[in-house]
Amino acid sequence: WPANGSVFSWVLGFLTEATTDPAVREELEEI
């Protein structure tokens, strides 16, 4: 799924906030 910057960033932020796994959250924050 290719996306422009604002959509990709929004999805990344959503996943970061919604995940229950601290290691996943950390990896998403790093991305």
Full PDB file with SEQRES, HELIX, SHEET, SSBOND, CRYST1, ORIGX, SCALE, CONECT and MASTER records, all heavy atoms in Angstrom:
SEQRES   1 A   31  TRP PRO ALA ASN GLY SER VAL PHE SER TRP VAL LEU GLY          
SEQRES   2 A   31  PHE LEU THR GLU ALA THR THR ASP PRO ALA VAL ARG GLU          
SEQRES   3 A   31  GLU LEU GLU GLU ILE                                          
HELIX    1 AA1 GLY A    5  ALA A   18  1                                  14    
HELIX    2 AA2 PRO A   22  GLU A   30  1                                   9    
CRYST1    1.000    1.000    1.000  90.00  90.00  90.00 P 1           1          
ORIGX1      1.000000  0.000000  0.000000        0.00000                         
ORIGX2      0.000000  1.000000  0.000000        0.00000                         
ORIGX3      0.000000  0.000000  1.000000        0.00000                         
SCALE1      1.000000  0.000000  0.000000        0.00000                         
SCALE2      0.000000  1.000000  0.000000        0.00000                         
SCALE3      0.000000  0.000000  1.000000        0.00000                         
ATOM      1  N   TRP A   1       0.849  -1.186   0.000  1.00  0.00           N  
ATOM      2  CA  TRP A   1       0.000   0.000   0.000  1.00  0.00           C  
ATOM      3  C   TRP A   1       0.887   1.239   0.000  1.00  0.00           C  
ATOM      4  O   TRP A   1       1.478   1.577   1.017  1.00  0.00           O  
ATOM      5  CB  TRP A   1      -0.900  -0.024   1.224  1.00  0.00           C  
ATOM      6  CG  TRP A   1      -1.862   1.107   1.354  1.00  0.00           C  
ATOM      7  CD1 TRP A   1      -3.017   1.282   0.649  1.00  0.00           C  
ATOM      8  CD2 TRP A   1      -1.765   2.217   2.250  1.00  0.00           C  
ATOM      9  NE1 TRP A   1      -3.645   2.435   1.070  1.00  0.00           N  
ATOM     10  CE2 TRP A   1      -2.896   3.025   2.048  1.00  0.00           C  
ATOM     11  CE3 TRP A   1      -0.838   2.598   3.202  1.00  0.00           C  
ATOM     12  CZ2 TRP A   1      -3.125   4.190   2.766  1.00  0.00           C  
ATOM     13  CZ3 TRP A   1      -1.049   3.758   3.925  1.00  0.00           C  
ATOM     14  CH2 TRP A   1      -2.185   4.541   3.701  1.00  0.00           C  
ATOM     15  N   PRO A   2       1.014   1.903  -1.155  1.00  0.00           N  
ATOM     16  CA  PRO A   2       1.781   3.154  -1.204  1.00  0.00           C  
ATOM     17  C   PRO A   2       0.871   4.327  -0.836  1.00  0.00           C  
ATOM     18  O   PRO A   2      -0.309   4.342  -1.196  1.00  0.00           O  
ATOM     19  CB  PRO A   2       2.218   3.231  -2.664  1.00  0.00           C  
ATOM     20  CG  PRO A   2       1.148   2.520  -3.415  1.00  0.00           C  
ATOM     21  CD  PRO A   2       0.610   1.456  -2.475  1.00  0.00           C  
ATOM     22  N   ALA A   3       1.420   5.287  -0.120  1.00  0.00           N  
ATOM     23  CA  ALA A   3       0.605   6.439   0.285  1.00  0.00           C  
ATOM     24  C   ALA A   3       1.441   7.706   0.297  1.00  0.00           C  
ATOM     25  O   ALA A   3       2.666   7.652   0.470  1.00  0.00           O  
ATOM     26  CB  ALA A   3       0.028   6.195   1.674  1.00  0.00           C  
ATOM     27  N   ASN A   4       0.750   8.828   0.152  1.00  0.00           N  
ATOM     28  CA  ASN A   4       1.465  10.091   0.299  1.00  0.00           C  
ATOM     29  C   ASN A   4       1.839  10.269   1.763  1.00  0.00           C  
ATOM     30  O   ASN A   4       1.377   9.537   2.634  1.00  0.00           O  
ATOM     31  CB  ASN A   4       0.636  11.260  -0.250  1.00  0.00           C  
ATOM     32  CG  ASN A   4      -0.550  11.607   0.628  1.00  0.00           C  
ATOM     33  OD1 ASN A   4      -0.493  11.587   1.847  1.00  0.00           O  
ATOM     34  ND2 ASN A   4      -1.661  11.934   0.000  1.00  0.00           N  
ATOM     35  N   GLY A   5       2.653  11.244   2.020  1.00  0.00           N  
ATOM     36  CA  GLY A   5       3.197  11.427   3.357  1.00  0.00           C  
ATOM     37  C   GLY A   5       2.186  11.632   4.447  1.00  0.00           C  
ATOM     38  O   GLY A   5       2.297  11.052   5.527  1.00  0.00           O  
ATOM     39  N   SER A   6       1.170  12.442   4.202  1.00  0.00           N  
ATOM     40  CA  SER A   6       0.225  12.731   5.272  1.00  0.00           C  
ATOM     41  C   SER A   6      -0.610  11.505   5.635  1.00  0.00           C  
ATOM     42  O   SER A   6      -0.875  11.254   6.813  1.00  0.00           O  
ATOM     43  CB  SER A   6      -0.677  13.909   4.904  1.00  0.00           C  
ATOM     44  OG  SER A   6      -1.443  13.620   3.758  1.00  0.00           O  
ATOM     45  N   VAL A   7      -1.008  10.728   4.651  1.00  0.00           N  
ATOM     46  CA  VAL A   7      -1.809   9.533   4.934  1.00  0.00           C  
ATOM     47  C   VAL A   7      -0.953   8.478   5.637  1.00  0.00           C  
ATOM     48  O   VAL A   7      -1.371   7.883   6.630  1.00  0.00           O  
ATOM     49  CB  VAL A   7      -2.451   8.969   3.646  1.00  0.00           C  
ATOM     50  CG1 VAL A   7      -3.227   7.697   3.942  1.00  0.00           C  
ATOM     51  CG2 VAL A   7      -3.362  10.005   3.002  1.00  0.00           C  
ATOM     52  N   PHE A   8       0.262   8.247   5.132  1.00  0.00           N  
ATOM     53  CA  PHE A   8       1.160   7.271   5.763  1.00  0.00           C  
ATOM     54  C   PHE A   8       1.432   7.667   7.211  1.00  0.00           C  
ATOM     55  O   PHE A   8       1.348   6.837   8.121  1.00  0.00           O  
ATOM     56  CB  PHE A   8       2.474   7.167   4.976  1.00  0.00           C  
ATOM     57  CG  PHE A   8       3.468   6.229   5.593  1.00  0.00           C  
ATOM     58  CD1 PHE A   8       3.340   4.858   5.441  1.00  0.00           C  
ATOM     59  CD2 PHE A   8       4.533   6.707   6.331  1.00  0.00           C  
ATOM     60  CE1 PHE A   8       4.246   3.978   6.007  1.00  0.00           C  
ATOM     61  CE2 PHE A   8       5.453   5.847   6.904  1.00  0.00           C  
ATOM     62  CZ  PHE A   8       5.311   4.482   6.738  1.00  0.00           C  
ATOM     63  N   SER A   9       1.736   8.926   7.420  1.00  0.00           N  
ATOM     64  CA  SER A   9       2.031   9.407   8.770  1.00  0.00           C  
ATOM     65  C   SER A   9       0.824   9.248   9.686  1.00  0.00           C  
ATOM     66  O   SER A   9       0.952   8.869  10.856  1.00  0.00           O  
ATOM     67  CB  SER A   9       2.459  10.871   8.704  1.00  0.00           C  
ATOM     68  OG  SER A   9       2.748  11.367   9.972  1.00  0.00           O  
ATOM     69  N   TRP A  10      -0.372   9.511   9.161  1.00  0.00           N  
ATOM     70  CA  TRP A  10      -1.588   9.380   9.961  1.00  0.00           C  
ATOM     71  C   TRP A  10      -1.794   7.922  10.373  1.00  0.00           C  
ATOM     72  O   TRP A  10      -2.118   7.632  11.530  1.00  0.00           O  
ATOM     73  CB  TRP A  10      -2.794   9.906   9.170  1.00  0.00           C  
ATOM     74  CG  TRP A  10      -3.980  10.164  10.036  1.00  0.00           C  
ATOM     75  CD1 TRP A  10      -4.306  11.327  10.662  1.00  0.00           C  
ATOM     76  CD2 TRP A  10      -4.984   9.218  10.395  1.00  0.00           C  
ATOM     77  NE1 TRP A  10      -5.465  11.150  11.387  1.00  0.00           N  
ATOM     78  CE2 TRP A  10      -5.900   9.873  11.234  1.00  0.00           C  
ATOM     79  CE3 TRP A  10      -5.202   7.885  10.090  1.00  0.00           C  
ATOM     80  CZ2 TRP A  10      -7.006   9.232  11.770  1.00  0.00           C  
ATOM     81  CZ3 TRP A  10      -6.297   7.247  10.624  1.00  0.00           C  
ATOM     82  CH2 TRP A  10      -7.194   7.921  11.454  1.00  0.00           C  
ATOM     83  N   VAL A  11      -1.609   6.992   9.438  1.00  0.00           N  
ATOM     84  CA  VAL A  11      -1.772   5.564   9.737  1.00  0.00           C  
ATOM     85  C   VAL A  11      -0.732   5.126  10.767  1.00  0.00           C  
ATOM     86  O   VAL A  11      -1.049   4.413  11.724  1.00  0.00           O  
ATOM     87  CB  VAL A  11      -1.678   4.705   8.463  1.00  0.00           C  
ATOM     88  CG1 VAL A  11      -1.620   3.216   8.798  1.00  0.00           C  
ATOM     89  CG2 VAL A  11      -2.852   4.993   7.537  1.00  0.00           C  
ATOM     90  N   LEU A  12       0.495   5.580  10.596  1.00  0.00           N  
ATOM     91  CA  LEU A  12       1.556   5.229  11.540  1.00  0.00           C  
ATOM     92  C   LEU A  12       1.206   5.735  12.943  1.00  0.00           C  
ATOM     93  O   LEU A  12       1.357   5.006  13.932  1.00  0.00           O  
ATOM     94  CB  LEU A  12       2.874   5.832  11.053  1.00  0.00           C  
ATOM     95  CG  LEU A  12       4.155   5.242  11.560  1.00  0.00           C  
ATOM     96  CD1 LEU A  12       4.256   3.752  11.263  1.00  0.00           C  
ATOM     97  CD2 LEU A  12       5.335   5.974  10.937  1.00  0.00           C  
ATOM     98  N   GLY A  13       0.703   6.963  13.021  1.00  0.00           N  
ATOM     99  CA  GLY A  13       0.295   7.508  14.316  1.00  0.00           C  
ATOM    100  C   GLY A  13      -0.846   6.720  14.934  1.00  0.00           C  
ATOM    101  O   GLY A  13      -0.857   6.445  16.140  1.00  0.00           O  
ATOM    102  N   PHE A  14      -1.815   6.351  14.108  1.00  0.00           N  
ATOM    103  CA  PHE A  14      -2.935   5.543  14.593  1.00  0.00           C  
ATOM    104  C   PHE A  14      -2.434   4.221  15.174  1.00  0.00           C  
ATOM    105  O   PHE A  14      -2.818   3.830  16.277  1.00  0.00           O  
ATOM    106  CB  PHE A  14      -3.930   5.284  13.459  1.00  0.00           C  
ATOM    107  CG  PHE A  14      -4.882   4.156  13.750  1.00  0.00           C  
ATOM    108  CD1 PHE A  14      -5.929   4.326  14.632  1.00  0.00           C  
ATOM    109  CD2 PHE A  14      -4.703   2.917  13.155  1.00  0.00           C  
ATOM    110  CE1 PHE A  14      -6.799   3.271  14.921  1.00  0.00           C  
ATOM    111  CE2 PHE A  14      -5.561   1.865  13.428  1.00  0.00           C  
ATOM    112  CZ  PHE A  14      -6.610   2.043  14.324  1.00  0.00           C  
ATOM    113  N   LEU A  15      -1.586   3.529  14.421  1.00  0.00           N  
ATOM    114  CA  LEU A  15      -1.074   2.232  14.883  1.00  0.00           C  
ATOM    115  C   LEU A  15      -0.254   2.387  16.156  1.00  0.00           C  
ATOM    116  O   LEU A  15      -0.348   1.555  17.066  1.00  0.00           O  
ATOM    117  CB  LEU A  15      -0.245   1.561  13.792  1.00  0.00           C  
ATOM    118  CG  LEU A  15      -1.017   1.064  12.571  1.00  0.00           C  
ATOM    119  CD1 LEU A  15      -0.048   0.562  11.499  1.00  0.00           C  
ATOM    120  CD2 LEU A  15      -2.008  -0.030  12.951  1.00  0.00           C  
ATOM    121  N   THR A  16       0.546   3.437  16.227  1.00  0.00           N  
ATOM    122  CA  THR A  16       1.377   3.677  17.408  1.00  0.00           C  
ATOM    123  C   THR A  16       0.514   3.848  18.649  1.00  0.00           C  
ATOM    124  O   THR A  16       0.815   3.288  19.703  1.00  0.00           O  
ATOM    125  CB  THR A  16       2.264   4.914  17.187  1.00  0.00           C  
ATOM    126  OG1 THR A  16       3.101   4.687  16.044  1.00  0.00           O  
ATOM    127  CG2 THR A  16       3.136   5.196  18.393  1.00  0.00           C  
ATOM    128  N   GLU A  17      -0.558   4.606  18.518  1.00  0.00           N  
ATOM    129  CA  GLU A  17      -1.451   4.831  19.659  1.00  0.00           C  
ATOM    130  C   GLU A  17      -2.292   3.604  19.996  1.00  0.00           C  
ATOM    131  O   GLU A  17      -2.602   3.362  21.160  1.00  0.00           O  
ATOM    132  CB  GLU A  17      -2.375   6.007  19.371  1.00  0.00           C  
ATOM    133  CG  GLU A  17      -1.671   7.334  19.327  1.00  0.00           C  
ATOM    134  CD  GLU A  17      -2.615   8.473  18.991  1.00  0.00           C  
ATOM    135  OE1 GLU A  17      -3.852   8.297  19.117  1.00  0.00           O  
ATOM    136  OE2 GLU A  17      -2.117   9.538  18.593  1.00  0.00           O  
ATOM    137  N   ALA A  18      -2.657   2.825  18.991  1.00  0.00           N  
ATOM    138  CA  ALA A  18      -3.617   1.738  19.204  1.00  0.00           C  
ATOM    139  C   ALA A  18      -2.991   0.413  19.616  1.00  0.00           C  
ATOM    140  O   ALA A  18      -3.670  -0.409  20.243  1.00  0.00           O  
ATOM    141  CB  ALA A  18      -4.443   1.530  17.934  1.00  0.00           C  
ATOM    142  N   THR A  19      -1.735   0.188  19.287  1.00  0.00           N  
ATOM    143  CA  THR A  19      -1.140  -1.109  19.610  1.00  0.00           C  
ATOM    144  C   THR A  19      -1.020  -1.295  21.120  1.00  0.00           C  
ATOM    145  O   THR A  19      -0.808  -0.338  21.864  1.00  0.00           O  
ATOM    146  CB  THR A  19       0.235  -1.297  18.939  1.00  0.00           C  
ATOM    147  OG1 THR A  19       0.693  -2.630  19.201  1.00  0.00           O  
ATOM    148  CG2 THR A  19       1.263  -0.305  19.461  1.00  0.00           C  
ATOM    149  N   THR A  20      -1.143  -2.533  21.548  1.00  0.00           N  
ATOM    150  CA  THR A  20      -0.992  -2.850  22.968  1.00  0.00           C  
ATOM    151  C   THR A  20       0.404  -3.357  23.288  1.00  0.00           C  
ATOM    152  O   THR A  20       0.725  -3.577  24.451  1.00  0.00           O  
ATOM    153  CB  THR A  20      -2.018  -3.924  23.390  1.00  0.00           C  
ATOM    154  OG1 THR A  20      -1.793  -5.108  22.621  1.00  0.00           O  
ATOM    155  CG2 THR A  20      -3.442  -3.429  23.186  1.00  0.00           C  
ATOM    156  N   ASP A  21       1.234  -3.525  22.270  1.00  0.00           N  
ATOM    157  CA  ASP A  21       2.571  -4.102  22.434  1.00  0.00           C  
ATOM    158  C   ASP A  21       3.619  -2.990  22.503  1.00  0.00           C  
ATOM    159  O   ASP A  21       3.840  -2.287  21.522  1.00  0.00           O  
ATOM    160  CB  ASP A  21       2.857  -5.032  21.248  1.00  0.00           C  
ATOM    161  CG  ASP A  21       4.149  -5.802  21.386  1.00  0.00           C  
ATOM    162  OD1 ASP A  21       5.133  -5.251  21.927  1.00  0.00           O  
ATOM    163  OD2 ASP A  21       4.184  -6.958  20.932  1.00  0.00           O  
ATOM    164  N   PRO A  22       4.277  -2.832  23.656  1.00  0.00           N  
ATOM    165  CA  PRO A  22       5.259  -1.761  23.798  1.00  0.00           C  
ATOM    166  C   PRO A  22       6.412  -1.861  22.792  1.00  0.00           C  
ATOM    167  O   PRO A  22       6.902  -0.837  22.315  1.00  0.00           O  
ATOM    168  CB  PRO A  22       5.780  -1.925  25.229  1.00  0.00           C  
ATOM    169  CG  PRO A  22       4.737  -2.706  25.938  1.00  0.00           C  
ATOM    170  CD  PRO A  22       4.076  -3.572  24.910  1.00  0.00           C  
ATOM    171  N   ALA A  23       6.838  -3.057  22.448  1.00  0.00           N  
ATOM    172  CA  ALA A  23       7.927  -3.214  21.478  1.00  0.00           C  
ATOM    173  C   ALA A  23       7.496  -2.765  20.085  1.00  0.00           C  
ATOM    174  O   ALA A  23       8.263  -2.137  19.347  1.00  0.00           O  
ATOM    175  CB  ALA A  23       8.410  -4.668  21.445  1.00  0.00           C  
ATOM    176  N   VAL A  24       6.265  -3.060  19.726  1.00  0.00           N  
ATOM    177  CA  VAL A  24       5.727  -2.615  18.435  1.00  0.00           C  
ATOM    178  C   VAL A  24       5.614  -1.094  18.435  1.00  0.00           C  
ATOM    179  O   VAL A  24       6.000  -0.433  17.466  1.00  0.00           O  
ATOM    180  CB  VAL A  24       4.364  -3.276  18.140  1.00  0.00           C  
ATOM    181  CG1 VAL A  24       3.710  -2.657  16.916  1.00  0.00           C  
ATOM    182  CG2 VAL A  24       4.531  -4.776  17.969  1.00  0.00           C  
ATOM    183  N   ARG A  25       5.109  -0.548  19.529  1.00  0.00           N  
ATOM    184  CA  ARG A  25       4.983   0.912  19.636  1.00  0.00           C  
ATOM    185  C   ARG A  25       6.348   1.568  19.452  1.00  0.00           C  
ATOM    186  O   ARG A  25       6.487   2.550  18.717  1.00  0.00           O  
ATOM    187  CB  ARG A  25       4.389   1.298  20.990  1.00  0.00           C  
ATOM    188  CG  ARG A  25       4.189   2.800  21.149  1.00  0.00           C  
ATOM    189  CD  ARG A  25       3.472   3.176  22.442  1.00  0.00           C  
ATOM    190  NE  ARG A  25       2.120   2.623  22.435  1.00  0.00           N  
ATOM    191  CZ  ARG A  25       1.705   1.658  23.265  1.00  0.00           C  
ATOM    192  NH1 ARG A  25       2.521   1.142  24.163  1.00  0.00           N  
ATOM    193  NH2 ARG A  25       0.475   1.209  23.198  1.00  0.00           N  
ATOM    194  N   GLU A  26       7.351   1.017  20.090  1.00  0.00           N  
ATOM    195  CA  GLU A  26       8.702   1.567  19.979  1.00  0.00           C  
ATOM    196  C   GLU A  26       9.211   1.522  18.532  1.00  0.00           C  
ATOM    197  O   GLU A  26       9.790   2.489  18.038  1.00  0.00           O  
ATOM    198  CB  GLU A  26       9.645   0.793  20.900  1.00  0.00           C  
ATOM    199  CG  GLU A  26      11.039   1.362  20.961  1.00  0.00           C  
ATOM    200  CD  GLU A  26      11.908   0.608  21.954  1.00  0.00           C  
ATOM    201  OE1 GLU A  26      11.438   0.336  23.083  1.00  0.00           O  
ATOM    202  OE2 GLU A  26      13.052   0.284  21.595  1.00  0.00           O  
ATOM    203  N   GLU A  27       8.971   0.420  17.852  1.00  0.00           N  
ATOM    204  CA  GLU A  27       9.411   0.295  16.464  1.00  0.00           C  
ATOM    205  C   GLU A  27       8.666   1.276  15.554  1.00  0.00           C  
ATOM    206  O   GLU A  27       9.262   1.903  14.678  1.00  0.00           O  
ATOM    207  CB  GLU A  27       9.225  -1.134  15.956  1.00  0.00           C  
ATOM    208  CG  GLU A  27       9.845  -1.345  14.594  1.00  0.00           C  
ATOM    209  CD  GLU A  27       9.965  -2.805  14.201  1.00  0.00           C  
ATOM    210  OE1 GLU A  27       9.959  -3.677  15.076  1.00  0.00           O  
ATOM    211  OE2 GLU A  27      10.066  -3.048  12.989  1.00  0.00           O  
ATOM    212  N   LEU A  28       7.379   1.443  15.786  1.00  0.00           N  
ATOM    213  CA  LEU A  28       6.595   2.391  14.989  1.00  0.00           C  
ATOM    214  C   LEU A  28       7.065   3.827  15.236  1.00  0.00           C  
ATOM    215  O   LEU A  28       7.156   4.630  14.309  1.00  0.00           O  
ATOM    216  CB  LEU A  28       5.108   2.248  15.302  1.00  0.00           C  
ATOM    217  CG  LEU A  28       4.472   0.921  14.920  1.00  0.00           C  
ATOM    218  CD1 LEU A  28       3.048   0.827  15.471  1.00  0.00           C  
ATOM    219  CD2 LEU A  28       4.494   0.707  13.423  1.00  0.00           C  
ATOM    220  N   GLU A  29       7.370   4.138  16.485  1.00  0.00           N  
ATOM    221  CA  GLU A  29       7.885   5.475  16.808  1.00  0.00           C  
ATOM    222  C   GLU A  29       9.230   5.720  16.127  1.00  0.00           C  
ATOM    223  O   GLU A  29       9.495   6.828  15.657  1.00  0.00           O  
ATOM    224  CB  GLU A  29       8.015   5.643  18.320  1.00  0.00           C  
ATOM    225  CG  GLU A  29       6.682   5.777  19.016  1.00  0.00           C  
ATOM    226  CD  GLU A  29       6.763   5.717  20.529  1.00  0.00           C  
ATOM    227  OE1 GLU A  29       7.825   5.300  21.076  1.00  0.00           O  
ATOM    228  OE2 GLU A  29       5.761   6.076  21.177  1.00  0.00           O  
ATOM    229  N   GLU A  30      10.055   4.702  16.055  1.00  0.00           N  
ATOM    230  CA  GLU A  30      11.347   4.825  15.381  1.00  0.00           C  
ATOM    231  C   GLU A  30      11.160   5.086  13.883  1.00  0.00           C  
ATOM    232  O   GLU A  30      11.854   5.921  13.298  1.00  0.00           O  
ATOM    233  CB  GLU A  30      12.179   3.562  15.599  1.00  0.00           C  
ATOM    234  CG  GLU A  30      13.582   3.664  15.040  1.00  0.00           C  
ATOM    235  CD  GLU A  30      14.420   2.451  15.379  1.00  0.00           C  
ATOM    236  OE1 GLU A  30      14.336   1.967  16.522  1.00  0.00           O  
ATOM    237  OE2 GLU A  30      15.163   2.003  14.492  1.00  0.00           O  
ATOM    238  N   ILE A  31      10.235   4.377  13.262  1.00  0.00           N  
ATOM    239  CA  ILE A  31       9.947   4.597  11.840  1.00  0.00           C  
ATOM    240  C   ILE A  31       9.531   6.040  11.617  1.00  0.00           C  
ATOM    241  O   ILE A  31       9.999   6.709  10.693  1.00  0.00           O  
ATOM    242  CB  ILE A  31       8.858   3.623  11.341  1.00  0.00           C  
ATOM    243  CG1 ILE A  31       9.400   2.194  11.304  1.00  0.00           C  
ATOM    244  CG2 ILE A  31       8.338   4.031   9.961  1.00  0.00           C  
ATOM    245  CD1 ILE A  31       8.338   1.129  11.097  1.00  0.00           C  
TER     246      ILE A  31                                                      
MASTER        0    0    0    2    0    0    0    6  245    1    0    3          
END                                                                             
